[in-house]
Amino acid sequence: MQPDRPLDYYIDRLFKQLDKAEFATEMEVQRAYRLLAGDLIYKLTPTITYRNGTLRLRFAAAALRHEMTMRRESLRQKMNGELHGDVIKKIVII
């Protein structure tokens, strides 16, 4: 352990070695989605998954599914802004 490196460096290395970095990213994506969509929309989204740059959202209500389909590009841009990078490449509405 080198004293000139921050603790975050070692935590990040540990997550990558344990193959948990994807899990940490998924948790951050869900946090950002809840923040940007709001509590009501978040509660009406029974399935939120993130893998390899794709965010999948499942909605039970057809009207909400249609509305979110129309707004998915705007949501993607806002979420990438919240996540400080191009984390989400596309959003799939199911």
PDB file of N, CA and C in Angstrom:
ATOM      1  N   MET A   1       0.843  -1.177   0.000  1.00  0.00           N
ATOM      2  CA  MET A   1       0.000   0.000   0.000  1.00  0.00           C
ATOM      3  C   MET A   1       0.883   1.233   0.000  1.00  0.00           C
ATOM      4  N   GLN A   2       0.689   2.087  -0.982  1.00  0.00           N
ATOM      5  CA  GLN A   2       1.491   3.296  -1.097  1.00  0.00           C
ATOM      6  C   GLN A   2       0.771   4.462  -0.416  1.00  0.00           C
ATOM      7  N   PRO A   3       1.474   5.244   0.393  1.00  0.00           N
ATOM      8  CA  PRO A   3       0.823   6.322   1.135  1.00  0.00           C
ATOM      9  C   PRO A   3       0.342   7.479   0.266  1.00  0.00           C
ATOM     10  N   ASP A   4       0.828   7.602  -0.968  1.00  0.00           N
ATOM     11  CA  ASP A   4       0.426   8.722  -1.810  1.00  0.00           C
ATOM     12  C   ASP A   4      -0.870   8.476  -2.584  1.00  0.00           C
ATOM     13  N   ARG A   5      -1.427   7.294  -2.483  1.00  0.00           N
ATOM     14  CA  ARG A   5      -2.674   6.988  -3.174  1.00  0.00           C
ATOM     15  C   ARG A   5      -3.845   7.100  -2.195  1.00  0.00           C
ATOM     16  N   PRO A   6      -4.970   7.650  -2.661  1.00  0.00           N
ATOM     17  CA  PRO A   6      -6.124   7.791  -1.772  1.00  0.00           C
ATOM     18  C   PRO A   6      -6.795   6.447  -1.508  1.00  0.00           C
ATOM     19  N   LEU A   7      -7.523   6.383  -0.444  1.00  0.00           N
ATOM     20  CA  LEU A   7      -8.223   5.160  -0.055  1.00  0.00           C
ATOM     21  C   LEU A   7      -9.214   4.730  -1.129  1.00  0.00           C
ATOM     22  N   ASP A   8      -9.836   5.705  -1.813  1.00  0.00           N
ATOM     23  CA  ASP A   8     -10.783   5.376  -2.880  1.00  0.00           C
ATOM     24  C   ASP A   8     -10.151   4.506  -3.965  1.00  0.00           C
ATOM     25  N   TYR A   9      -8.896   4.737  -4.250  1.00  0.00           N
ATOM     26  CA  TYR A   9      -8.183   3.945  -5.252  1.00  0.00           C
ATOM     27  C   TYR A   9      -8.204   2.466  -4.866  1.00  0.00           C
ATOM     28  N   TYR A  10      -7.903   2.184  -3.608  1.00  0.00           N
ATOM     29  CA  TYR A  10      -7.849   0.791  -3.151  1.00  0.00           C
ATOM     30  C   TYR A  10      -9.238   0.170  -3.051  1.00  0.00           C
ATOM     31  N   ILE A  11     -10.219   0.953  -2.670  1.00  0.00           N
ATOM     32  CA  ILE A  11     -11.589   0.441  -2.615  1.00  0.00           C
ATOM     33  C   ILE A  11     -12.065   0.091  -4.018  1.00  0.00           C
ATOM     34  N   ASP A  12     -11.777   0.969  -4.987  1.00  0.00           N
ATOM     35  CA  ASP A  12     -12.154   0.704  -6.371  1.00  0.00           C
ATOM     36  C   ASP A  12     -11.471  -0.551  -6.900  1.00  0.00           C
ATOM     37  N   ARG A  13     -10.196  -0.713  -6.604  1.00  0.00           N
ATOM     38  CA  ARG A  13      -9.472  -1.927  -7.030  1.00  0.00           C
ATOM     39  C   ARG A  13     -10.096  -3.175  -6.416  1.00  0.00           C
ATOM     40  N   LEU A  14     -10.462  -3.085  -5.144  1.00  0.00           N
ATOM     41  CA  LEU A  14     -11.070  -4.225  -4.473  1.00  0.00           C
ATOM     42  C   LEU A  14     -12.390  -4.600  -5.132  1.00  0.00           C
ATOM     43  N   PHE A  15     -13.236  -3.606  -5.418  1.00  0.00           N
ATOM     44  CA  PHE A  15     -14.512  -3.878  -6.083  1.00  0.00           C
ATOM     45  C   PHE A  15     -14.279  -4.538  -7.438  1.00  0.00           C
ATOM     46  N   LYS A  16     -13.321  -4.055  -8.198  1.00  0.00           N
ATOM     47  CA  LYS A  16     -13.067  -4.635  -9.513  1.00  0.00           C
ATOM     48  C   LYS A  16     -12.543  -6.055  -9.405  1.00  0.00           C
ATOM     49  N   GLN A  17     -11.695  -6.308  -8.418  1.00  0.00           N
ATOM     50  CA  GLN A  17     -11.171  -7.659  -8.247  1.00  0.00           C
ATOM     51  C   GLN A  17     -12.261  -8.625  -7.819  1.00  0.00           C
ATOM     52  N   LEU A  18     -13.194  -8.148  -7.043  1.00  0.00           N
ATOM     53  CA  LEU A  18     -14.284  -8.995  -6.582  1.00  0.00           C
ATOM     54  C   LEU A  18     -15.446  -9.024  -7.560  1.00  0.00           C
ATOM     55  N   ASP A  19     -15.284  -8.328  -8.700  1.00  0.00           N
ATOM     56  CA  ASP A  19     -16.315  -8.238  -9.731  1.00  0.00           C
ATOM     57  C   ASP A  19     -17.596  -7.625  -9.175  1.00  0.00           C
ATOM     58  N   LYS A  20     -17.440  -6.643  -8.297  1.00  0.00           N
ATOM     59  CA  LYS A  20     -18.577  -5.963  -7.702  1.00  0.00           C
ATOM     60  C   LYS A  20     -18.762  -4.559  -8.254  1.00  0.00           C
ATOM     61  N   ALA A  21     -17.899  -4.132  -9.133  1.00  0.00           N
ATOM     62  CA  ALA A  21     -18.001  -2.776  -9.680  1.00  0.00           C
ATOM     63  C   ALA A  21     -19.329  -2.604 -10.418  1.00  0.00           C
ATOM     64  N   GLU A  22     -19.773  -3.622 -11.136  1.00  0.00           N
ATOM     65  CA  GLU A  22     -21.049  -3.548 -11.854  1.00  0.00           C
ATOM     66  C   GLU A  22     -22.195  -3.404 -10.863  1.00  0.00           C
ATOM     67  N   PHE A  23     -22.124  -4.102  -9.735  1.00  0.00           N
ATOM     68  CA  PHE A  23     -23.159  -3.990  -8.706  1.00  0.00           C
ATOM     69  C   PHE A  23     -23.193  -2.580  -8.139  1.00  0.00           C
ATOM     70  N   ALA A  24     -22.025  -2.005  -7.863  1.00  0.00           N
ATOM     71  CA  ALA A  24     -21.958  -0.647  -7.323  1.00  0.00           C
ATOM     72  C   ALA A  24     -22.535   0.333  -8.336  1.00  0.00           C
ATOM     73  N   THR A  25     -22.236   0.152  -9.618  1.00  0.00           N
ATOM     74  CA  THR A  25     -22.764   1.024 -10.652  1.00  0.00           C
ATOM     75  C   THR A  25     -24.275   0.892 -10.733  1.00  0.00           C
ATOM     76  N   GLU A  26     -24.801  -0.320 -10.636  1.00  0.00           N
ATOM     77  CA  GLU A  26     -26.247  -0.528 -10.687  1.00  0.00           C
ATOM     78  C   GLU A  26     -26.937   0.187  -9.533  1.00  0.00           C
ATOM     79  N   MET A  27     -26.337   0.158  -8.372  1.00  0.00           N
ATOM     80  CA  MET A  27     -26.921   0.848  -7.216  1.00  0.00           C
ATOM     81  C   MET A  27     -26.925   2.360  -7.441  1.00  0.00           C
ATOM     82  N   GLU A  28     -25.867   2.895  -8.033  1.00  0.00           N
ATOM     83  CA  GLU A  28     -25.805   4.327  -8.334  1.00  0.00           C
ATOM     84  C   GLU A  28     -26.843   4.706  -9.394  1.00  0.00           C
ATOM     85  N   VAL A  29     -27.042   3.847 -10.382  1.00  0.00           N
ATOM     86  CA  VAL A  29     -28.034   4.105 -11.425  1.00  0.00           C
ATOM     87  C   VAL A  29     -29.430   4.122 -10.807  1.00  0.00           C
ATOM     88  N   GLN A  30     -29.725   3.174  -9.930  1.00  0.00           N
ATOM     89  CA  GLN A  30     -31.035   3.153  -9.283  1.00  0.00           C
ATOM     90  C   GLN A  30     -31.240   4.385  -8.407  1.00  0.00           C
ATOM     91  N   ARG A  31     -30.192   4.819  -7.722  1.00  0.00           N
ATOM     92  CA  ARG A  31     -30.286   6.020  -6.894  1.00  0.00           C
ATOM     93  C   ARG A  31     -30.579   7.241  -7.760  1.00  0.00           C
ATOM     94  N   ALA A  32     -29.876   7.357  -8.888  1.00  0.00           N
ATOM     95  CA  ALA A  32     -30.079   8.485  -9.801  1.00  0.00           C
ATOM     96  C   ALA A  32     -31.481   8.449 -10.405  1.00  0.00           C
ATOM     97  N   TYR A  33     -31.964   7.255 -10.762  1.00  0.00           N
ATOM     98  CA  TYR A  33     -33.309   7.124 -11.327  1.00  0.00           C
ATOM     99  C   TYR A  33     -34.354   7.585 -10.313  1.00  0.00           C
ATOM    100  N   ARG A  34     -34.209   7.156  -9.082  1.00  0.00           N
ATOM    101  CA  ARG A  34     -35.173   7.562  -8.050  1.00  0.00           C
ATOM    102  C   ARG A  34     -35.152   9.077  -7.845  1.00  0.00           C
ATOM    103  N   LEU A  35     -33.980   9.655  -7.847  1.00  0.00           N
ATOM    104  CA  LEU A  35     -33.843  11.092  -7.665  1.00  0.00           C
ATOM    105  C   LEU A  35     -34.500  11.859  -8.819  1.00  0.00           C
ATOM    106  N   LEU A  36     -34.254  11.441 -10.048  1.00  0.00           N
ATOM    107  CA  LEU A  36     -34.746  12.173 -11.214  1.00  0.00           C
ATOM    108  C   LEU A  36     -36.197  11.862 -11.565  1.00  0.00           C
ATOM    109  N   ALA A  37     -36.637  10.622 -11.380  1.00  0.00           N
ATOM    110  CA  ALA A  37     -38.011  10.254 -11.723  1.00  0.00           C
ATOM    111  C   ALA A  37     -38.990  10.646 -10.619  1.00  0.00           C
ATOM    112  N   GLY A  38     -38.510  10.716  -9.396  1.00  0.00           N
ATOM    113  CA  GLY A  38     -39.386  11.017  -8.271  1.00  0.00           C
ATOM    114  C   GLY A  38     -39.879   9.744  -7.611  1.00  0.00           C
ATOM    115  N   ASP A  39     -40.325   9.883  -6.384  1.00  0.00           N
ATOM    116  CA  ASP A  39     -40.741   8.714  -5.608  1.00  0.00           C
ATOM    117  C   ASP A  39     -41.941   7.986  -6.213  1.00  0.00           C
ATOM    118  N   LEU A  40     -42.923   8.724  -6.739  1.00  0.00           N
ATOM    119  CA  LEU A  40     -44.118   8.075  -7.289  1.00  0.00           C
ATOM    120  C   LEU A  40     -43.773   7.214  -8.502  1.00  0.00           C
ATOM    121  N   ILE A  41     -43.040   7.774  -9.463  1.00  0.00           N
ATOM    122  CA  ILE A  41     -42.651   7.009 -10.660  1.00  0.00           C
ATOM    123  C   ILE A  41     -41.747   5.841 -10.259  1.00  0.00           C
ATOM    124  N   TYR A  42     -40.841   6.082  -9.316  1.00  0.00           N
ATOM    125  CA  TYR A  42     -39.948   5.019  -8.841  1.00  0.00           C
ATOM    126  C   TYR A  42     -40.761   3.851  -8.275  1.00  0.00           C
ATOM    127  N   LYS A  43     -41.805   4.160  -7.507  1.00  0.00           N
ATOM    128  CA  LYS A  43     -42.646   3.101  -6.937  1.00  0.00           C
ATOM    129  C   LYS A  43     -43.451   2.364  -8.001  1.00  0.00           C
ATOM    130  N   LEU A  44     -43.739   3.051  -9.103  1.00  0.00           N
ATOM    131  CA  LEU A  44     -44.497   2.432 -10.191  1.00  0.00           C
ATOM    132  C   LEU A  44     -43.595   1.737 -11.217  1.00  0.00           C
ATOM    133  N   THR A  45     -42.328   1.613 -10.885  1.00  0.00           N
ATOM    134  CA  THR A  45     -41.353   0.919 -11.739  1.00  0.00           C
ATOM    135  C   THR A  45     -40.914  -0.344 -11.007  1.00  0.00           C
ATOM    136  N   PRO A  46     -41.621  -1.470 -11.221  1.00  0.00           N
ATOM    137  CA  PRO A  46     -41.292  -2.678 -10.460  1.00  0.00           C
ATOM    138  C   PRO A  46     -39.933  -3.289 -10.793  1.00  0.00           C
ATOM    139  N   THR A  47     -39.423  -3.051 -11.998  1.00  0.00           N
ATOM    140  CA  THR A  47     -38.139  -3.627 -12.381  1.00  0.00           C
ATOM    141  C   THR A  47     -37.222  -2.529 -12.930  1.00  0.00           C
ATOM    142  N   ILE A  48     -36.064  -2.398 -12.277  1.00  0.00           N
ATOM    143  CA  ILE A  48     -35.035  -1.464 -12.717  1.00  0.00           C
ATOM    144  C   ILE A  48     -33.732  -2.247 -12.731  1.00  0.00           C
ATOM    145  N   THR A  49     -33.193  -2.497 -13.913  1.00  0.00           N
ATOM    146  CA  THR A  49     -31.923  -3.221 -13.997  1.00  0.00           C
ATOM    147  C   THR A  49     -30.961  -2.463 -14.893  1.00  0.00           C
ATOM    148  N   TYR A  50     -29.684  -2.591 -14.575  1.00  0.00           N
ATOM    149  CA  TYR A  50     -28.638  -1.952 -15.355  1.00  0.00           C
ATOM    150  C   TYR A  50     -27.535  -2.974 -15.598  1.00  0.00           C
ATOM    151  N   ARG A  51     -27.153  -3.099 -16.865  1.00  0.00           N
ATOM    152  CA  ARG A  51     -26.062  -3.999 -17.214  1.00  0.00           C
ATOM    153  C   ARG A  51     -25.437  -3.542 -18.527  1.00  0.00           C
ATOM    154  N   ASN A  52     -24.129  -3.434 -18.520  1.00  0.00           N
ATOM    155  CA  ASN A  52     -23.352  -3.122 -19.728  1.00  0.00           C
ATOM    156  C   ASN A  52     -23.860  -1.887 -20.471  1.00  0.00           C
ATOM    157  N   GLY A  53     -24.205  -0.843 -19.735  1.00  0.00           N
ATOM    158  CA  GLY A  53     -24.612   0.407 -20.359  1.00  0.00           C
ATOM    159  C   GLY A  53     -26.079   0.506 -20.718  1.00  0.00           C
ATOM    160  N   THR A  54     -26.846  -0.542 -20.460  1.00  0.00           N
ATOM    161  CA  THR A  54     -28.272  -0.541 -20.789  1.00  0.00           C
ATOM    162  C   THR A  54     -29.111  -0.537 -19.520  1.00  0.00           C
ATOM    163  N   LEU A  55     -29.982   0.451 -19.422  1.00  0.00           N
ATOM    164  CA  LEU A  55     -30.929   0.537 -18.308  1.00  0.00           C
ATOM    165  C   LEU A  55     -32.260   0.008 -18.795  1.00  0.00           C
ATOM    166  N   ARG A  56     -32.793  -0.982 -18.095  1.00  0.00           N
ATOM    167  CA  ARG A  56     -34.090  -1.571 -18.449  1.00  0.00           C
ATOM    168  C   ARG A  56     -35.096  -1.195 -17.370  1.00  0.00           C
ATOM    169  N   LEU A  57     -36.217  -0.646 -17.835  1.00  0.00           N
ATOM    170  CA  LEU A  57     -37.276  -0.226 -16.930  1.00  0.00           C
ATOM    171  C   LEU A  57     -38.557  -0.940 -17.332  1.00  0.00           C
ATOM    172  N   ARG A  58     -39.224  -1.548 -16.367  1.00  0.00           N
ATOM    173  CA  ARG A  58     -40.499  -2.229 -16.630  1.00  0.00           C
ATOM    174  C   ARG A  58     -41.593  -1.467 -15.907  1.00  0.00           C
ATOM    175  N   PHE A  59     -42.664  -1.170 -16.642  1.00  0.00           N
ATOM    176  CA  PHE A  59     -43.814  -0.467 -16.079  1.00  0.00           C
ATOM    177  C   PHE A  59     -45.056  -1.320 -16.259  1.00  0.00           C
ATOM    178  N   ALA A  60     -45.906  -1.356 -15.249  1.00  0.00           N
ATOM    179  CA  ALA A  60     -47.145  -2.125 -15.329  1.00  0.00           C
ATOM    180  C   ALA A  60     -48.225  -1.338 -16.077  1.00  0.00           C
ATOM    181  N   ALA A  61     -48.228  -0.022 -15.920  1.00  0.00           N
ATOM    182  CA  ALA A  61     -49.259   0.815 -16.543  1.00  0.00           C
ATOM    183  C   ALA A  61     -48.850   1.207 -17.958  1.00  0.00           C
ATOM    184  N   ALA A  62     -49.730   0.950 -18.911  1.00  0.00           N
ATOM    185  CA  ALA A  62     -49.433   1.234 -20.314  1.00  0.00           C
ATOM    186  C   ALA A  62     -49.217   2.724 -20.562  1.00  0.00           C
ATOM    187  N   ALA A  63     -50.005   3.565 -19.923  1.00  0.00           N
ATOM    188  CA  ALA A  63     -49.871   5.017 -20.126  1.00  0.00           C
ATOM    189  C   ALA A  63     -48.508   5.508 -19.633  1.00  0.00           C
ATOM    190  N   LEU A  64     -48.064   5.003 -18.490  1.00  0.00           N
ATOM    191  CA  LEU A  64     -46.762   5.381 -17.958  1.00  0.00           C
ATOM    192  C   LEU A  64     -45.641   4.846 -18.853  1.00  0.00           C
ATOM    193  N   ARG A  65     -45.809   3.630 -19.338  1.00  0.00           N
ATOM    194  CA  ARG A  65     -44.818   3.033 -20.242  1.00  0.00           C
ATOM    195  C   ARG A  65     -44.685   3.885 -21.503  1.00  0.00           C
ATOM    196  N   HIS A  66     -45.812   4.332 -22.065  1.00  0.00           N
ATOM    197  CA  HIS A  66     -45.783   5.178 -23.253  1.00  0.00           C
ATOM    198  C   HIS A  66     -45.101   6.512 -22.960  1.00  0.00           C
ATOM    199  N   GLU A  67     -45.448   7.146 -21.860  1.00  0.00           N
ATOM    200  CA  GLU A  67     -44.859   8.435 -21.489  1.00  0.00           C
ATOM    201  C   GLU A  67     -43.345   8.321 -21.291  1.00  0.00           C
ATOM    202  N   MET A  68     -42.914   7.279 -20.616  1.00  0.00           N
ATOM    203  CA  MET A  68     -41.483   7.100 -20.371  1.00  0.00           C
ATOM    204  C   MET A  68     -40.744   6.738 -21.663  1.00  0.00           C
ATOM    205  N   THR A  69     -41.409   6.059 -22.572  1.00  0.00           N
ATOM    206  CA  THR A  69     -40.796   5.768 -23.867  1.00  0.00           C
ATOM    207  C   THR A  69     -40.524   7.069 -24.615  1.00  0.00           C
ATOM    208  N   MET A  70     -41.452   7.997 -24.548  1.00  0.00           N
ATOM    209  CA  MET A  70     -41.293   9.287 -25.214  1.00  0.00           C
ATOM    210  C   MET A  70     -40.186  10.131 -24.563  1.00  0.00           C
ATOM    211  N   ARG A  71     -39.965   9.938 -23.273  1.00  0.00           N
ATOM    212  CA  ARG A  71     -39.004  10.760 -22.532  1.00  0.00           C
ATOM    213  C   ARG A  71     -37.676  10.063 -22.244  1.00  0.00           C
ATOM    214  N   ARG A  72     -37.461   8.905 -22.808  1.00  0.00           N
ATOM    215  CA  ARG A  72     -36.282   8.135 -22.412  1.00  0.00           C
ATOM    216  C   ARG A  72     -34.958   8.805 -22.768  1.00  0.00           C
ATOM    217  N   GLU A  73     -34.873   9.492 -23.890  1.00  0.00           N
ATOM    218  CA  GLU A  73     -33.615  10.154 -24.249  1.00  0.00           C
ATOM    219  C   GLU A  73     -33.310  11.303 -23.287  1.00  0.00           C
ATOM    220  N   SER A  74     -34.326  12.054 -22.931  1.00  0.00           N
ATOM    221  CA  SER A  74     -34.153  13.130 -21.956  1.00  0.00           C
ATOM    222  C   SER A  74     -33.729  12.559 -20.603  1.00  0.00           C
ATOM    223  N   LEU A  75     -34.368  11.467 -20.196  1.00  0.00           N
ATOM    224  CA  LEU A  75     -34.016  10.808 -18.932  1.00  0.00           C
ATOM    225  C   LEU A  75     -32.583  10.295 -18.979  1.00  0.00           C
ATOM    226  N   ARG A  76     -32.187   9.713 -20.097  1.00  0.00           N
ATOM    227  CA  ARG A  76     -30.818   9.191 -20.232  1.00  0.00           C
ATOM    228  C   ARG A  76     -29.783  10.306 -20.071  1.00  0.00           C
ATOM    229  N   GLN A  77     -30.038  11.441 -20.712  1.00  0.00           N
ATOM    230  CA  GLN A  77     -29.107  12.568 -20.611  1.00  0.00           C
ATOM    231  C   GLN A  77     -29.032  13.100 -19.186  1.00  0.00           C
ATOM    232  N   LYS A  78     -30.180  13.230 -18.537  1.00  0.00           N
ATOM    233  CA  LYS A  78     -30.198  13.735 -17.160  1.00  0.00           C
ATOM    234  C   LYS A  78     -29.511  12.760 -16.207  1.00  0.00           C
ATOM    235  N   MET A  79     -29.734  11.462 -16.406  1.00  0.00           N
ATOM    236  CA  MET A  79     -29.100  10.473 -15.536  1.00  0.00           C
ATOM    237  C   MET A  79     -27.590  10.457 -15.736  1.00  0.00           C
ATOM    238  N   ASN A  80     -27.134  10.564 -16.975  1.00  0.00           N
ATOM    239  CA  ASN A  80     -25.694  10.621 -17.216  1.00  0.00           C
ATOM    240  C   ASN A  80     -25.084  11.861 -16.585  1.00  0.00           C
ATOM    241  N   GLY A  81     -25.816  12.963 -16.583  1.00  0.00           N
ATOM    242  CA  GLY A  81     -25.352  14.158 -15.901  1.00  0.00           C
ATOM    243  C   GLY A  81     -25.242  13.933 -14.403  1.00  0.00           C
ATOM    244  N   GLU A  82     -26.222  13.264 -13.831  1.00  0.00           N
ATOM    245  CA  GLU A  82     -26.221  12.967 -12.396  1.00  0.00           C
ATOM    246  C   GLU A  82     -25.106  11.985 -12.049  1.00  0.00           C
ATOM    247  N   LEU A  83     -24.815  11.060 -12.962  1.00  0.00           N
ATOM    248  CA  LEU A  83     -23.786  10.047 -12.730  1.00  0.00           C
ATOM    249  C   LEU A  83     -22.396  10.506 -13.148  1.00  0.00           C
ATOM    250  N   HIS A  84     -22.300  11.718 -13.660  1.00  0.00           N
ATOM    251  CA  HIS A  84     -21.017  12.336 -14.042  1.00  0.00           C
ATOM    252  C   HIS A  84     -20.256  11.542 -15.089  1.00  0.00           C
ATOM    253  N   GLY A  85     -20.956  11.148 -16.126  1.00  0.00           N
ATOM    254  CA  GLY A  85     -20.287  10.426 -17.204  1.00  0.00           C
ATOM    255  C   GLY A  85     -21.290   9.773 -18.138  1.00  0.00           C
ATOM    256  N   ASP A  86     -20.790   9.155 -19.163  1.00  0.00           N
ATOM    257  CA  ASP A  86     -21.651   8.461 -20.135  1.00  0.00           C
ATOM    258  C   ASP A  86     -21.847   7.014 -19.690  1.00  0.00           C
ATOM    259  N   VAL A  87     -22.537   6.851 -18.588  1.00  0.00           N
ATOM    260  CA  VAL A  87     -22.739   5.530 -17.983  1.00  0.00           C
ATOM    261  C   VAL A  87     -23.838   4.772 -18.712  1.00  0.00           C
ATOM    262  N   ILE A  88     -24.933   5.457 -19.010  1.00  0.00           N
ATOM    263  CA  ILE A  88     -26.090   4.817 -19.647  1.00  0.00           C
ATOM    264  C   ILE A  88     -26.040   5.082 -21.138  1.00  0.00           C
ATOM    265  N   LYS A  89     -25.895   4.031 -21.908  1.00  0.00           N
ATOM    266  CA  LYS A  89     -25.836   4.142 -23.363  1.00  0.00           C
ATOM    267  C   LYS A  89     -27.237   4.146 -23.970  1.00  0.00           C
ATOM    268  N   LYS A  90     -28.135   3.332 -23.409  1.00  0.00           N
ATOM    269  CA  LYS A  90     -29.517   3.315 -23.901  1.00  0.00           C
ATOM    270  C   LYS A  90     -30.449   2.866 -22.788  1.00  0.00           C
ATOM    271  N   ILE A  91     -31.712   3.256 -22.946  1.00  0.00           N
ATOM    272  CA  ILE A  91     -32.759   2.867 -22.007  1.00  0.00           C
ATOM    273  C   ILE A  91     -33.781   2.032 -22.779  1.00  0.00           C
ATOM    274  N   VAL A  92     -34.077   0.865 -22.237  1.00  0.00           N
ATOM    275  CA  VAL A  92     -35.064  -0.018 -22.831  1.00  0.00           C
ATOM    276  C   VAL A  92     -36.282  -0.026 -21.918  1.00  0.00           C
ATOM    277  N   ILE A  93     -37.442   0.311 -22.490  1.00  0.00           N
ATOM    278  CA  ILE A  93     -38.697   0.319 -21.742  1.00  0.00           C
ATOM    279  C   ILE A  93     -39.423  -0.983 -22.056  1.00  0.00           C
ATOM    280  N   ILE A  94     -39.762  -1.717 -21.014  1.00  0.00           N
ATOM    281  CA  ILE A  94     -40.423  -3.014 -21.180  1.00  0.00           C
ATOM    282  C   ILE A  94     -41.871  -2.898 -20.729  1.00  0.00           C
TER     283      ILE A  94
END
